[in-house]
Amino acid sequence: MEILRAHVDAYLNGARVLSKIEEALHACNENRGDYLEDAVLMARLHEALLSLHAHCQHLPVTAKLVQRLALAVKNPGDGAHFTRETCNYPRCLAAIQSRLEDELSLSFFFKLPADKKRYFDEPRYGWEEIIHRFPDAVVDIEEMSRCFALSRYAAAVFHSVQVVETALYELGSFLGVKDHESGWGSVKRELERIVVKQKFGERDELHQKHFLFIEQMHAVTEALNSAWRNKVSHARGRLTLMTSDFGLDVAEEIMISSRSFMRRLATELPQRGIPEH
């Protein structure tokens, strides 16, 4: 879904400035002056119109009026646009303000809390190393962050689970998991077998060499599994949501735990080819 950015302060400020200019135009007429001859006032009007127009991409009627008047102010002798003879500038400004109010009333605006703005504007923030190592995860990382920003917590958790899955096969391959498609359950069991159940001499040479990494990954997977709190199933080798009941705190904890898991893999998982099946 395309989300259009709307800056309420720009509309309020634009309407306020145009109202002030409208008063100045009326004052000029009352003093028997021609506002078209007031270069400072016309420059001020043109600048205000351009500033408002920049925020009217989803207000087509208002944008049309603003653009026409701006062109007339810039080229007052061009008969293709509003001219002093064919249009009353103060009346045009009143029409613009009226159209602006009407069109804004037809839209439904959401307010994004300030503390969630970065999740929406910079969805990759803090995930750069992970994206570099696992580029296939970038879409789910962005969707996860933006869903969280919009308070769609179940969707955010869903995408965080998808992010984790992008790396499971590579981790399973490194550990030597025998499943055709290594999933969370098989990876977790293999980590536990290597770290808890095997003695050092029973581990193969690769696992001995990288035991510190494997031990830390075992701890990280336990933390992530705890964060899921039985809300995520790993049956049949796939991670799936068992509920849509996620609040802000739980979703945030899962996202942080997922990032910790993925960062460990991105920065410390030894590069090793994935065997053919």
Protein backbone atom coordinates (compact mmCIF):
# COMPACT_ATOMS: atom_id res chain seq x y z
CA MET A 1 0.00 0.00 0.00
CA GLU A 2 1.35 3.39 -0.97
CA ILE A 3 1.53 5.64 2.07
CA LEU A 4 1.49 9.35 1.30
CA ARG A 5 3.28 11.63 3.70
CA ALA A 6 1.23 14.54 4.94
CA HIS A 7 2.77 17.35 6.97
CA VAL A 8 -0.05 19.00 8.88
CA ASP A 9 2.16 21.91 9.86
CA ALA A 10 2.72 22.70 6.16
CA TYR A 11 -1.04 22.96 5.54
CA LEU A 12 -1.59 25.08 8.63
CA ASN A 13 1.32 27.35 7.81
CA GLY A 14 0.33 27.58 4.13
CA ALA A 15 -3.24 28.56 4.96
CA ARG A 16 -2.03 31.11 7.52
CA VAL A 17 0.44 32.74 5.12
CA LEU A 18 -2.08 32.88 2.27
CA SER A 19 -4.62 34.46 4.61
CA LYS A 20 -2.10 37.15 5.57
CA ILE A 21 -1.30 37.81 1.92
CA GLU A 22 -5.00 37.98 1.09
CA GLU A 23 -5.38 40.70 3.73
CA ALA A 24 -2.43 42.56 2.22
CA LEU A 25 -4.00 42.40 -1.25
CA HIS A 26 -7.27 43.80 0.08
CA ALA A 27 -5.36 46.57 1.86
CA CYS A 28 -3.58 47.44 -1.37
CA ASN A 29 -6.93 47.77 -3.18
CA GLU A 30 -8.35 49.95 -0.42
CA ASN A 31 -5.37 52.28 -0.82
CA ARG A 32 -6.16 52.49 -4.56
CA GLY A 33 -3.00 50.65 -5.43
CA ASP A 34 -2.41 47.81 -7.89
CA TYR A 35 -1.09 44.79 -6.05
CA LEU A 36 0.40 43.50 -9.32
CA GLU A 37 2.82 46.40 -9.13
CA ASP A 38 3.99 45.46 -5.65
CA ALA A 39 7.02 43.28 -6.49
CA VAL A 40 7.72 42.36 -2.87
CA LEU A 41 4.15 41.27 -2.24
CA MET A 42 4.01 39.28 -5.50
CA ALA A 43 7.31 37.54 -4.67
CA ARG A 44 5.97 36.68 -1.24
CA LEU A 45 2.77 35.29 -2.78
CA HIS A 46 4.69 33.24 -5.36
CA GLU A 47 6.96 31.74 -2.70
CA ALA A 48 3.98 30.84 -0.49
CA LEU A 49 2.18 29.17 -3.40
CA LEU A 50 5.21 27.09 -4.38
CA SER A 51 5.73 26.03 -0.76
CA LEU A 52 2.11 24.88 -0.44
CA HIS A 53 2.11 23.17 -3.84
CA ALA A 54 4.99 20.94 -2.73
CA HIS A 55 2.65 19.35 -0.16
CA CYS A 56 -0.41 18.95 -2.40
CA GLN A 57 0.57 15.84 -4.38
CA HIS A 58 -2.51 14.02 -3.02
CA LEU A 59 -4.79 17.08 -3.16
CA PRO A 60 -5.29 17.44 -6.94
CA VAL A 61 -7.93 20.19 -6.99
CA THR A 62 -6.03 22.38 -4.56
CA ALA A 63 -2.80 21.69 -6.43
CA LYS A 64 -4.42 22.75 -9.72
CA LEU A 65 -5.59 26.10 -8.32
CA VAL A 66 -2.29 26.75 -6.59
CA GLN A 67 -0.31 25.97 -9.74
CA ARG A 68 -2.46 28.19 -11.95
CA LEU A 69 -2.20 31.15 -9.61
CA ALA A 70 1.55 30.65 -9.15
CA LEU A 71 2.03 30.72 -12.94
CA ALA A 72 -0.06 33.86 -13.19
CA VAL A 73 1.98 35.59 -10.48
CA LYS A 74 5.21 34.61 -12.20
CA ASN A 75 3.98 35.58 -15.70
CA PRO A 76 1.22 38.20 -15.20
CA GLY A 77 1.04 39.03 -18.91
CA ASP A 78 0.51 35.45 -20.05
CA GLY A 79 -3.12 35.14 -21.10
CA ALA A 80 -3.03 31.38 -20.69
CA HIS A 81 -3.17 31.81 -16.92
CA PHE A 82 -5.03 33.97 -14.44
CA THR A 83 -4.56 37.68 -15.15
CA ARG A 84 -5.55 40.83 -13.31
CA GLU A 85 -8.36 41.35 -15.80
CA THR A 86 -9.78 37.83 -15.64
CA CYS A 87 -9.23 36.96 -12.00
CA ASN A 88 -9.41 38.57 -8.61
CA TYR A 89 -6.29 37.41 -6.72
CA PRO A 90 -7.83 37.72 -3.23
CA ARG A 91 -10.80 35.65 -4.43
CA CYS A 92 -8.38 33.04 -5.82
CA LEU A 93 -6.63 32.79 -2.46
CA ALA A 94 -9.96 32.34 -0.71
CA ALA A 95 -10.85 29.58 -3.20
CA ILE A 96 -7.53 27.83 -2.60
CA GLN A 97 -8.06 27.85 1.15
CA SER A 98 -11.60 26.54 0.70
CA ARG A 99 -10.46 23.72 -1.63
CA LEU A 100 -7.65 22.85 0.78
CA GLU A 101 -10.10 22.49 3.65
CA ASP A 102 -12.53 20.44 1.52
CA GLU A 103 -9.89 18.02 0.22
CA LEU A 104 -8.28 17.52 3.60
CA SER A 105 -11.70 16.62 5.01
CA LEU A 106 -11.93 13.75 2.49
CA SER A 107 -8.70 12.13 3.66
CA PHE A 108 -8.10 10.03 6.76
CA PHE A 109 -4.77 10.79 8.44
CA PHE A 110 -2.78 8.67 10.85
CA LYS A 111 -0.32 10.11 13.32
CA LEU A 112 3.00 8.27 13.59
CA PRO A 113 4.50 8.64 17.10
CA ALA A 114 7.86 10.39 17.14
CA ASP A 115 9.60 7.43 18.79
CA LYS A 116 8.57 5.18 15.88
CA LYS A 117 9.47 7.56 13.06
CA ARG A 118 12.92 6.06 12.52
CA TYR A 119 11.47 2.56 12.16
CA PHE A 120 9.48 3.84 9.19
CA ASP A 121 11.99 6.25 7.65
CA GLU A 122 15.12 4.14 8.22
CA PRO A 123 13.90 0.51 8.28
CA ARG A 124 17.41 -0.86 7.69
CA TYR A 125 18.93 1.01 10.63
CA GLY A 126 20.94 -1.36 12.83
CA TRP A 127 20.61 -4.18 10.29
CA GLU A 128 23.33 -3.10 7.84
CA GLU A 129 25.80 -5.91 8.61
CA ILE A 130 23.01 -8.46 8.44
CA ILE A 131 21.80 -7.21 5.06
CA HIS A 132 25.35 -7.31 3.72
CA ARG A 133 25.73 -10.99 4.66
CA PHE A 134 22.13 -12.03 3.96
CA PRO A 135 20.80 -9.71 1.22
CA ASP A 136 17.71 -11.90 0.70
CA ALA A 137 16.47 -10.72 4.10
CA VAL A 138 16.25 -7.04 3.17
CA VAL A 139 12.56 -7.01 2.13
CA ASP A 140 11.41 -8.70 5.34
CA ILE A 141 13.66 -6.43 7.44
CA GLU A 142 12.09 -3.34 5.88
CA GLU A 143 8.55 -4.70 6.20
CA MET A 144 9.18 -5.76 9.80
CA SER A 145 10.37 -2.28 10.80
CA ARG A 146 7.58 -0.44 9.03
CA CYS A 147 4.87 -2.76 10.35
CA PHE A 148 6.21 -2.13 13.85
CA ALA A 149 6.14 1.64 13.24
CA LEU A 150 2.47 1.35 12.20
CA SER A 151 1.62 -0.74 15.29
CA ARG A 152 0.97 -3.87 13.21
CA TYR A 153 2.78 -6.03 15.73
CA ALA A 154 1.72 -9.48 14.50
CA ALA A 155 2.90 -8.54 10.99
CA ALA A 156 6.20 -7.26 12.42
CA VAL A 157 6.76 -10.58 14.21
CA PHE A 158 5.82 -12.51 11.07
CA HIS A 159 8.49 -10.68 9.06
CA SER A 160 11.08 -11.06 11.84
CA VAL A 161 10.49 -14.81 11.69
CA GLN A 162 10.99 -14.69 7.92
CA VAL A 163 14.28 -12.84 8.49
CA VAL A 164 15.51 -15.60 10.82
CA GLU A 165 14.57 -18.26 8.29
CA THR A 166 16.79 -16.72 5.61
CA ALA A 167 19.87 -17.78 7.61
CA LEU A 168 18.76 -21.09 9.12
CA TYR A 169 19.80 -23.23 6.17
CA GLU A 170 23.32 -21.78 6.15
CA LEU A 171 23.68 -22.24 9.90
CA GLY A 172 22.34 -25.78 9.63
CA SER A 173 24.83 -26.54 6.88
CA PHE A 174 27.71 -25.31 9.03
CA LEU A 175 26.57 -27.40 11.99
CA GLY A 176 26.20 -30.47 9.80
CA VAL A 177 22.44 -30.87 10.22
CA LYS A 178 21.35 -33.85 8.14
CA ASP A 179 17.79 -32.70 7.38
CA HIS A 180 17.14 -31.95 3.72
CA GLU A 181 15.91 -28.52 4.80
CA SER A 182 17.36 -27.57 8.16
CA GLY A 183 14.75 -25.74 10.23
CA TRP A 184 14.70 -24.10 13.63
CA GLY A 185 14.02 -27.28 15.57
CA SER A 186 16.81 -29.29 13.96
CA VAL A 187 19.31 -26.43 14.27
CA LYS A 188 18.43 -25.88 17.91
CA ARG A 189 18.76 -29.58 18.69
CA GLU A 190 22.13 -29.78 16.95
CA LEU A 191 23.44 -26.77 18.89
CA GLU A 192 22.32 -28.40 22.13
CA ARG A 193 23.94 -31.71 21.16
CA ILE A 194 27.29 -30.10 20.33
CA VAL A 195 27.40 -27.70 23.31
CA VAL A 196 25.70 -29.69 26.07
CA LYS A 197 25.82 -33.38 25.22
CA GLN A 198 29.17 -33.80 23.48
CA LYS A 199 32.54 -33.76 25.17
CA PHE A 200 35.24 -31.68 23.53
CA GLY A 201 37.03 -34.71 22.08
CA GLU A 202 33.78 -35.98 20.52
CA ARG A 203 33.28 -32.85 18.44
CA ASP A 204 34.59 -32.76 14.90
CA GLU A 205 37.56 -30.55 14.06
CA LEU A 206 35.49 -27.71 12.58
CA HIS A 207 33.24 -27.53 15.63
CA GLN A 208 36.23 -27.60 17.98
CA LYS A 209 37.81 -24.73 16.06
CA HIS A 210 34.66 -22.61 16.23
CA PHE A 211 33.28 -23.84 19.54
CA LEU A 212 33.10 -20.37 21.11
CA PHE A 213 30.87 -19.19 18.25
CA ILE A 214 28.69 -22.33 18.51
CA GLU A 215 28.37 -21.92 22.27
CA GLN A 216 27.32 -18.31 21.89
CA MET A 217 24.84 -19.20 19.15
CA HIS A 218 23.35 -21.79 21.48
CA ALA A 219 22.75 -19.05 24.06
CA VAL A 220 21.33 -16.67 21.47
CA THR A 221 18.90 -19.29 20.11
CA GLU A 222 17.73 -20.03 23.66
CA ALA A 223 17.08 -16.30 24.17
CA LEU A 224 15.17 -16.05 20.89
CA ASN A 225 13.17 -19.18 21.67
CA SER A 226 12.28 -17.63 25.03
CA ALA A 227 11.22 -14.38 23.35
CA TRP A 228 8.83 -16.35 21.13
CA ARG A 229 7.18 -17.78 24.29
CA ASN A 230 5.41 -20.58 22.40
CA LYS A 231 3.83 -18.02 20.07
CA VAL A 232 5.94 -19.28 17.17
CA SER A 233 5.88 -22.91 16.04
CA HIS A 234 8.76 -24.71 14.34
CA ALA A 235 6.79 -27.81 13.37
CA ARG A 236 7.75 -29.50 10.10
CA GLY A 237 10.91 -27.41 9.90
CA ARG A 238 9.04 -24.13 9.30
CA LEU A 239 8.64 -21.12 11.57
CA THR A 240 4.99 -20.07 11.74
CA LEU A 241 2.95 -17.83 14.03
CA MET A 242 0.57 -19.64 16.35
CA THR A 243 -1.29 -16.46 17.34
CA SER A 244 -1.83 -12.89 16.23
CA ASP A 245 -1.91 -11.65 19.82
CA PHE A 246 1.26 -9.55 20.00
CA GLY A 247 1.63 -6.33 21.94
CA LEU A 248 4.28 -3.66 21.53
CA ASP A 249 6.64 -5.03 24.20
CA VAL A 250 6.55 -8.63 22.96
CA ALA A 251 7.00 -7.62 19.32
CA GLU A 252 9.91 -5.35 20.19
CA GLU A 253 11.59 -8.07 22.26
CA ILE A 254 11.26 -10.54 19.39
CA MET A 255 12.68 -8.05 16.91
CA ILE A 256 15.67 -7.31 19.15
CA SER A 257 16.30 -11.01 19.79
CA SER A 258 16.02 -11.74 16.07
CA ARG A 259 18.53 -9.03 15.27
CA SER A 260 20.94 -10.37 17.89
CA PHE A 261 20.63 -13.86 16.38
CA MET A 262 21.16 -12.57 12.84
CA ARG A 263 24.03 -10.26 13.76
CA ARG A 264 25.94 -13.18 15.32
CA LEU A 265 25.49 -15.15 12.13
CA ALA A 266 26.34 -12.22 9.87
CA THR A 267 29.56 -11.33 11.64
CA GLU A 268 30.79 -14.66 13.00
CA LEU A 269 29.40 -17.57 10.97
CA PRO A 270 32.38 -18.95 9.01
CA GLN A 271 31.97 -18.80 5.27
CA ARG A 272 31.33 -22.32 4.08
CA GLY A 273 29.72 -23.61 0.93
CA ILE A 274 26.27 -25.09 1.19
CA PRO A 275 26.35 -28.72 0.02
CA GLU A 276 24.29 -29.84 -2.93
CA HIS A 277 21.28 -32.09 -2.27
